[in-house]
Amino acid sequence: KPALRRGTLQLRCHALADKINFSAGRARSVSYSWRGASRRAQADAEIIIAAGAVLSPLLLQRSGIGDGALLTGHGIRPVVDNANVGAHLQDHLGVNYYFKSRLPTLNEQLHSWPGRLAAALQWLAVRRGPLALSVNQCGGFFRSRPELEAPDQQLYFNPISYSVHQPGPGKIINTDPFAGFILGFQPMRPTSRGHICLSGPDPEQAPVITPGSLSTQDDCASVVDGARLCRALIRTRALQGLIDAPLISDISGMSDDEMLDDFRARCGTVFHPVGTCRMGADARDAVVDSHLRVFGVEGLRVADASVFPAVTSANTNAPTMMLALRAAGFIRADAQ
C-alpha cells in the first residue's frame, strides 16, 4: 500500500496473464485480460514473473519457453527450447494422526458457533486467543534415528481435531464435538521429482500436475522413519496420559509396510512446491541463472519459489521472502 501512493505503480487485481511477447530475443510486453478485455503492458526495462511454482512455468510455456515438442503439440511456437521449464517439481508431503483427548482442547471452544464468535471477537478486540495463533501451535525438527547428523523430520502438534467434507469444489472443515488433537509429520528432504505442464494454450485451462511423490526408495524409507518417530512419541508416558483413543488410523500396531500404505492413502501436500523454474549454471539443467534471469532471452526474470534448485528442508515462506529481497537488489543494480 505505501508504494501505491507514489504514483509510479499500477495494481490491477483479477487480471489474468496470458503470455510474454518477445521481439529480437527480448521480452517486450505482457498480454493479459482484465475487466473483460484483452490488454497489453509494455516493458521499458524488464518483466518479472512471480506467479509461483505452478503458474510461473505455465506462463513461460504459453510464451514459447519450454519443451519444444510439448509447445509445438499445443500450437505454440517455441522461442526457447528448454525442457527444464516445469520439470524438477518438488514438494513436502505430510500426514496427520488424530486422537481423542482426555484433557480439554480447542475443540470445546471452536465446535460451537457461540465459541467461534467469541474467539473472533477476542481476536478483533485484542488480537489474542486461538485465532491469533497458527493451528500448528507446537512443532519442531527431529532426527528419526540417532545416527543421523541432522534432523530429517518436521513434526506438528495441533490442539484441535476435525473432519473434512467436500460436497462440492470447496472443503468444509468441522471441528470434532469432543476433545481431540493432531500429531503430524513430514519428511524434510524428499528426493522424488515431478513436473508441471500446460494442457493447452488457453490460460483458463488447468495445468497437468504430475507430483511424482514417493517415487524413490529413499522417500519411502523416510516416511517409515517419520511414522516410527510418531509411534515412539505416542507411546511415551506423557502422551499416553493424554490420549483417550486413536481416530482414523492407529499406528501403534502397524508394520512398516502398513505405515507406508497408510501414508500413501492419506498424505497431502504441505504446500511447498518448488523447482519448476529452477536456478542453475546453464540451460542444460536449469531455467534461470544466479540473478534469476531466464536463459535464452533478455529482459525476463522469475522471482518466486519456482527457482529453488531443491526444496528447502522446512517451510518455504521465509526463504521466498529472502529470495524476493535478493531479486529486488538484482533489479536495482541492473537498472543502475
Protein backbone atom coordinates (compact mmCIF):
# COMPACT_ATOMS: atom_id res chain seq x y z
CA LYS A 1 0.00 0.00 0.00
CA PRO A 2 2.74 2.57 0.69
CA ALA A 3 4.16 2.01 -2.81
CA LEU A 4 0.75 2.63 -4.39
CA ARG A 5 0.85 6.24 -3.13
CA ARG A 6 3.94 7.04 -5.21
CA GLY A 7 2.05 7.24 -8.47
CA THR A 8 4.60 5.03 -10.23
CA LEU A 9 2.78 1.75 -9.59
CA GLN A 10 -0.47 0.42 -11.01
CA LEU A 11 -2.11 -2.54 -9.29
CA ARG A 12 -4.65 -4.49 -11.33
CA CYS A 13 -6.44 -7.19 -9.38
CA HIS A 14 -8.34 -10.08 -11.00
CA ALA A 15 -6.25 -9.80 -14.18
CA LEU A 16 -5.20 -13.00 -15.95
CA ALA A 17 -1.78 -13.08 -17.61
CA ASP A 18 -1.79 -14.78 -20.99
CA LYS A 19 1.79 -14.67 -22.29
CA ILE A 20 5.03 -12.74 -22.60
CA ASN A 21 5.69 -11.24 -26.03
CA PHE A 22 9.22 -11.15 -27.48
CA SER A 23 10.98 -9.15 -30.15
CA ALA A 24 14.58 -9.70 -31.26
CA GLY A 25 15.14 -12.07 -28.34
CA ARG A 26 13.96 -9.65 -25.67
CA ALA A 27 10.80 -9.70 -23.52
CA ARG A 28 8.83 -6.62 -24.59
CA SER A 29 5.31 -6.88 -23.21
CA VAL A 30 2.74 -8.96 -21.31
CA SER A 31 -0.63 -9.81 -22.82
CA TYR A 32 -3.39 -10.18 -20.23
CA SER A 33 -7.14 -9.95 -19.81
CA TRP A 34 -8.78 -7.56 -17.36
CA ARG A 35 -12.38 -6.48 -16.93
CA GLY A 36 -13.48 -8.47 -19.95
CA ALA A 37 -10.96 -7.01 -22.37
CA SER A 38 -7.59 -8.08 -23.76
CA ARG A 39 -4.78 -5.71 -22.81
CA ARG A 40 -1.03 -5.38 -23.15
CA ALA A 41 1.56 -3.93 -20.76
CA GLN A 42 4.77 -2.69 -22.38
CA ALA A 43 8.13 -3.11 -20.64
CA ASP A 44 10.76 -0.37 -20.91
CA ALA A 45 13.27 -2.24 -18.74
CA GLU A 46 12.33 -5.83 -17.89
CA ILE A 47 9.50 -8.16 -16.91
CA ILE A 48 9.44 -10.07 -13.61
CA ILE A 49 7.32 -13.20 -13.25
CA ALA A 50 6.28 -14.02 -9.68
CA ALA A 51 3.36 -16.40 -10.15
CA GLY A 52 4.63 -19.30 -8.04
CA ALA A 53 5.87 -22.80 -8.73
CA VAL A 54 2.66 -23.80 -10.55
CA LEU A 55 1.80 -20.77 -12.66
CA SER A 56 5.24 -19.34 -13.47
CA PRO A 57 6.29 -22.30 -15.64
CA LEU A 58 2.87 -22.30 -17.31
CA LEU A 59 3.25 -18.64 -18.25
CA LEU A 60 6.69 -19.35 -19.68
CA GLN A 61 5.35 -22.31 -21.64
CA ARG A 62 2.45 -20.29 -23.08
CA SER A 63 5.02 -17.66 -24.05
CA GLY A 64 7.10 -20.18 -26.01
CA ILE A 65 9.74 -21.06 -23.40
CA GLY A 66 9.72 -24.76 -22.56
CA ASP A 67 9.97 -28.21 -24.05
CA GLY A 68 9.81 -27.63 -27.80
CA ALA A 69 7.87 -30.79 -28.57
CA LEU A 70 5.28 -30.02 -25.87
CA LEU A 71 4.80 -26.45 -27.10
CA THR A 72 4.55 -27.44 -30.75
CA GLY A 73 1.94 -30.05 -29.86
CA HIS A 74 -0.24 -27.28 -28.41
CA GLY A 75 0.27 -24.97 -31.38
CA ILE A 76 2.74 -22.68 -29.59
CA ARG A 77 5.82 -21.51 -31.49
CA PRO A 78 8.95 -22.24 -29.40
CA VAL A 79 11.06 -19.20 -28.56
CA VAL A 80 13.46 -21.11 -26.31
CA ASP A 81 13.53 -24.93 -26.29
CA ASN A 82 14.19 -25.74 -22.63
CA ALA A 83 12.70 -28.94 -21.21
CA ASN A 84 13.58 -27.82 -17.66
CA VAL A 85 10.61 -25.45 -17.61
CA GLY A 86 8.00 -27.18 -15.45
CA ALA A 87 10.35 -30.03 -14.55
CA HIS A 88 12.15 -30.80 -11.26
CA LEU A 89 8.98 -30.28 -9.21
CA GLN A 90 9.46 -30.98 -5.51
CA ASP A 91 7.11 -30.63 -2.57
CA HIS A 92 6.75 -31.74 1.03
CA LEU A 93 4.13 -34.37 1.85
CA GLY A 94 2.69 -34.76 5.30
CA VAL A 95 0.15 -36.83 7.19
CA ASN A 96 -1.83 -36.33 10.40
CA TYR A 97 -2.69 -38.78 13.16
CA TYR A 98 -5.85 -37.89 15.07
CA PHE A 99 -6.51 -38.66 18.73
CA LYS A 100 -9.36 -38.28 21.17
CA SER A 101 -8.04 -36.45 24.22
CA ARG A 102 -8.52 -36.98 27.95
CA LEU A 103 -7.94 -33.26 28.55
CA PRO A 104 -9.77 -30.23 27.09
CA THR A 105 -8.57 -28.88 23.73
CA LEU A 106 -9.71 -26.07 21.42
CA ASN A 107 -12.49 -28.32 20.12
CA GLU A 108 -14.73 -27.36 23.02
CA GLN A 109 -14.43 -23.68 22.10
CA LEU A 110 -14.41 -23.86 18.32
CA HIS A 111 -17.01 -26.56 17.71
CA SER A 112 -19.98 -24.31 18.54
CA TRP A 113 -20.93 -21.10 16.77
CA PRO A 114 -21.02 -19.12 20.05
CA GLY A 115 -17.49 -20.30 20.79
CA ARG A 116 -16.29 -19.36 17.29
CA LEU A 117 -17.93 -15.95 17.57
CA ALA A 118 -16.28 -15.36 20.95
CA ALA A 119 -12.88 -16.30 19.52
CA ALA A 120 -13.42 -13.95 16.56
CA LEU A 121 -14.43 -11.07 18.84
CA GLN A 122 -11.41 -11.71 21.06
CA TRP A 123 -9.10 -11.50 18.06
CA LEU A 124 -10.77 -8.35 16.74
CA ALA A 125 -10.64 -6.66 20.13
CA VAL A 126 -7.19 -7.56 21.48
CA ARG A 127 -5.54 -9.73 18.79
CA ARG A 128 -5.36 -12.67 21.20
CA GLY A 129 -6.91 -16.09 21.53
CA PRO A 130 -6.93 -19.18 19.29
CA LEU A 131 -7.42 -17.20 16.07
CA ALA A 132 -4.24 -15.22 16.76
CA LEU A 133 -2.13 -18.39 16.61
CA SER A 134 -1.15 -20.86 13.95
CA VAL A 135 -3.14 -24.08 14.03
CA ASN A 136 0.28 -25.74 14.41
CA GLN A 137 0.85 -24.44 17.91
CA CYS A 138 3.78 -26.71 18.60
CA GLY A 139 6.31 -28.46 16.43
CA GLY A 140 9.94 -28.86 15.62
CA PHE A 141 12.67 -30.64 13.72
CA PHE A 142 13.77 -34.10 14.77
CA ARG A 143 16.16 -36.88 13.88
CA SER A 144 14.20 -40.07 13.38
CA ARG A 145 17.35 -42.11 14.03
CA PRO A 146 20.17 -41.20 16.45
CA GLU A 147 22.95 -41.80 13.92
CA LEU A 148 21.70 -39.04 11.60
CA GLU A 149 23.78 -35.85 11.56
CA ALA A 150 20.81 -33.52 11.02
CA PRO A 151 17.04 -33.57 11.51
CA ASP A 152 15.11 -35.38 8.80
CA GLN A 153 11.51 -34.94 10.03
CA GLN A 154 9.34 -31.91 10.76
CA LEU A 155 6.61 -32.58 13.33
CA TYR A 156 3.41 -30.67 14.07
CA PHE A 157 1.15 -30.72 17.10
CA ASN A 158 -2.33 -29.15 16.95
CA PRO A 159 -4.64 -28.85 19.99
CA ILE A 160 -7.65 -29.44 17.77
CA SER A 161 -9.14 -32.25 15.67
CA TYR A 162 -11.60 -32.08 12.81
CA SER A 163 -13.21 -33.83 9.89
CA VAL A 164 -13.14 -32.59 6.29
CA HIS A 165 -16.09 -32.85 3.93
CA GLN A 166 -16.00 -31.94 0.25
CA PRO A 167 -19.59 -31.70 -1.04
CA GLY A 168 -18.55 -29.53 -3.99
CA PRO A 169 -15.49 -27.70 -5.27
CA GLY A 170 -14.72 -26.38 -1.78
CA LYS A 171 -13.99 -28.06 1.54
CA ILE A 172 -15.95 -27.86 4.78
CA ILE A 173 -13.93 -28.36 7.97
CA ASN A 174 -15.92 -29.39 11.03
CA THR A 175 -14.30 -29.35 14.45
CA ASP A 176 -14.97 -32.57 16.35
CA PRO A 177 -17.60 -32.36 19.13
CA PHE A 178 -15.17 -33.88 21.64
CA ALA A 179 -11.69 -33.04 22.90
CA GLY A 180 -9.06 -34.07 20.36
CA PHE A 181 -5.64 -33.25 18.98
CA ILE A 182 -3.39 -33.96 16.00
CA LEU A 183 0.18 -35.17 15.72
CA GLY A 184 1.60 -34.93 12.19
CA PHE A 185 4.89 -35.18 10.33
CA GLN A 186 6.57 -34.53 7.01
CA PRO A 187 9.89 -35.88 5.73
CA MET A 188 12.11 -32.84 5.22
CA ARG A 189 14.28 -33.77 2.24
CA PRO A 190 12.31 -35.60 -0.46
CA THR A 191 14.29 -36.86 -3.44
CA SER A 192 11.35 -37.54 -5.79
CA ARG A 193 10.74 -35.23 -8.74
CA GLY A 194 7.61 -34.39 -10.70
CA HIS A 195 6.63 -31.95 -13.40
CA ILE A 196 4.01 -29.39 -14.40
CA CYS A 197 2.93 -28.65 -17.95
CA LEU A 198 0.14 -26.82 -19.71
CA SER A 199 -2.83 -28.68 -21.08
CA GLY A 200 -3.44 -26.13 -23.81
CA PRO A 201 -2.67 -22.54 -24.85
CA ASP A 202 -5.70 -21.07 -23.07
CA PRO A 203 -4.68 -19.52 -19.69
CA GLU A 204 -8.05 -20.61 -18.28
CA GLN A 205 -7.14 -24.29 -18.75
CA ALA A 206 -5.98 -26.17 -15.66
CA PRO A 207 -2.39 -27.43 -15.74
CA VAL A 208 -1.31 -31.06 -15.77
CA ILE A 209 0.49 -31.65 -12.46
CA THR A 210 2.42 -34.89 -12.01
CA PRO A 211 3.89 -34.78 -8.48
CA GLY A 212 6.00 -37.94 -8.77
CA SER A 213 5.77 -38.28 -4.99
CA LEU A 214 7.27 -41.30 -3.21
CA SER A 215 8.90 -42.48 -6.42
CA THR A 216 12.25 -43.21 -4.75
CA GLN A 217 13.18 -45.79 -2.14
CA ASP A 218 14.79 -43.06 -0.01
CA ASP A 219 11.49 -41.19 0.21
CA CYS A 220 9.57 -44.32 1.16
CA ALA A 221 12.14 -45.14 3.84
CA SER A 222 11.92 -41.59 5.18
CA VAL A 223 8.14 -41.92 5.51
CA VAL A 224 8.53 -45.08 7.56
CA ASP A 225 11.14 -43.38 9.75
CA GLY A 226 8.76 -40.47 10.39
CA ALA A 227 5.86 -42.75 11.25
CA ARG A 228 8.07 -44.74 13.63
CA LEU A 229 9.07 -41.48 15.33
CA CYS A 230 5.41 -40.52 15.82
CA ARG A 231 4.67 -44.01 17.15
CA ALA A 232 7.51 -43.70 19.63
CA LEU A 233 6.14 -40.36 20.83
CA ILE A 234 2.59 -41.60 21.36
CA ARG A 235 3.99 -44.49 23.40
CA THR A 236 5.62 -42.11 25.90
CA ARG A 237 4.10 -41.77 29.37
CA ALA A 238 3.23 -38.10 28.75
CA LEU A 239 1.15 -38.75 25.64
CA GLN A 240 -0.31 -41.98 26.93
CA GLY A 241 -1.76 -39.92 29.75
CA LEU A 242 -3.30 -37.55 27.20
CA ILE A 243 -4.61 -40.00 24.59
CA ASP A 244 -8.07 -41.41 25.13
CA ALA A 245 -8.24 -43.27 21.78
CA PRO A 246 -6.76 -43.02 18.28
CA LEU A 247 -9.00 -41.82 15.47
CA ILE A 248 -8.95 -42.71 11.74
CA SER A 249 -5.59 -44.55 11.73
CA ASP A 250 -3.91 -46.27 14.66
CA ILE A 251 -0.16 -46.53 14.01
CA SER A 252 0.57 -48.15 17.36
CA GLY A 253 0.29 -51.67 15.92
CA MET A 254 1.19 -51.05 12.26
CA SER A 255 4.06 -52.73 10.44
CA ASP A 256 6.45 -50.69 8.29
CA ASP A 257 4.55 -51.63 5.14
CA GLU A 258 1.23 -50.71 6.74
CA MET A 259 2.57 -47.33 7.84
CA LEU A 260 3.78 -46.62 4.30
CA ASP A 261 0.44 -47.73 2.83
CA ASP A 262 -1.42 -45.53 5.31
CA PHE A 263 0.79 -42.56 4.36
CA ARG A 264 0.18 -43.15 0.65
CA ALA A 265 -3.57 -43.30 1.23
CA ARG A 266 -3.92 -40.20 3.42
CA CYS A 267 -0.94 -37.90 2.83
CA GLY A 268 -1.27 -34.48 1.25
CA THR A 269 0.83 -31.56 0.12
CA VAL A 270 2.16 -29.19 2.76
CA PHE A 271 2.06 -26.53 0.01
CA HIS A 272 5.81 -26.14 -0.51
CA PRO A 273 6.12 -26.69 -4.30
CA VAL A 274 9.41 -25.50 -5.81
CA GLY A 275 11.88 -26.17 -8.62
CA THR A 276 9.81 -25.76 -11.78
CA CYS A 277 11.90 -22.78 -12.98
CA ARG A 278 15.00 -23.86 -11.14
CA MET A 279 18.18 -21.83 -10.86
CA GLY A 280 21.44 -23.21 -12.21
CA ALA A 281 24.65 -22.62 -14.14
CA ASP A 282 23.16 -23.02 -17.61
CA ALA A 283 20.12 -24.16 -19.59
CA ARG A 284 21.22 -27.78 -19.59
CA ASP A 285 19.57 -28.34 -16.21
CA ALA A 286 18.02 -25.01 -15.24
CA VAL A 287 15.68 -22.21 -16.33
CA VAL A 288 17.22 -19.11 -14.70
CA ASP A 289 20.75 -18.04 -13.77
CA SER A 290 22.02 -16.95 -10.35
CA HIS A 291 20.48 -13.49 -10.90
CA LEU A 292 17.10 -15.08 -11.79
CA ARG A 293 17.36 -14.16 -15.50
CA VAL A 294 15.67 -16.61 -17.88
CA PHE A 295 18.15 -18.39 -20.13
CA GLY A 296 17.84 -17.73 -23.84
CA VAL A 297 16.12 -14.33 -23.73
CA GLU A 298 16.77 -10.88 -22.32
CA GLY A 299 14.67 -8.69 -20.06
CA LEU A 300 12.90 -11.51 -18.22
CA ARG A 301 13.29 -12.83 -14.68
CA VAL A 302 11.46 -15.23 -12.39
CA ALA A 303 11.33 -14.28 -8.71
CA ASP A 304 9.44 -16.87 -6.65
CA ALA A 305 9.90 -20.33 -5.12
CA SER A 306 9.88 -21.97 -8.53
CA VAL A 307 13.57 -21.01 -8.90
CA PHE A 308 14.72 -23.01 -5.85
CA PRO A 309 17.18 -25.68 -7.09
CA ALA A 310 15.76 -28.04 -4.44
CA VAL A 311 13.08 -27.83 -1.79
CA THR A 312 14.23 -26.31 1.49
CA SER A 313 14.29 -28.67 4.45
CA ALA A 314 11.45 -26.77 6.12
CA ASN A 315 8.79 -24.18 5.25
CA THR A 316 9.33 -22.16 2.08
CA ASN A 317 7.78 -18.84 3.19
CA ALA A 318 10.84 -17.19 4.75
CA PRO A 319 13.24 -18.41 2.03
CA THR A 320 10.90 -16.98 -0.61
CA MET A 321 10.88 -13.61 1.17
CA MET A 322 14.68 -13.72 1.22
CA LEU A 323 14.68 -14.50 -2.50
CA ALA A 324 12.40 -11.52 -3.17
CA LEU A 325 14.81 -9.23 -1.35
CA ARG A 326 17.73 -10.54 -3.39
CA ALA A 327 15.71 -10.18 -6.60
CA ALA A 328 14.96 -6.55 -5.79
CA GLY A 329 18.70 -5.96 -5.37
CA PHE A 330 19.46 -7.56 -8.72
CA ILE A 331 16.81 -5.49 -10.48
CA ARG A 332 18.02 -2.23 -8.97
CA ALA A 333 21.65 -3.00 -9.72
CA ASP A 334 20.93 -3.75 -13.38
CA ALA A 335 18.76 -0.65 -13.72
CA GLN A 336 21.62 1.50 -12.50
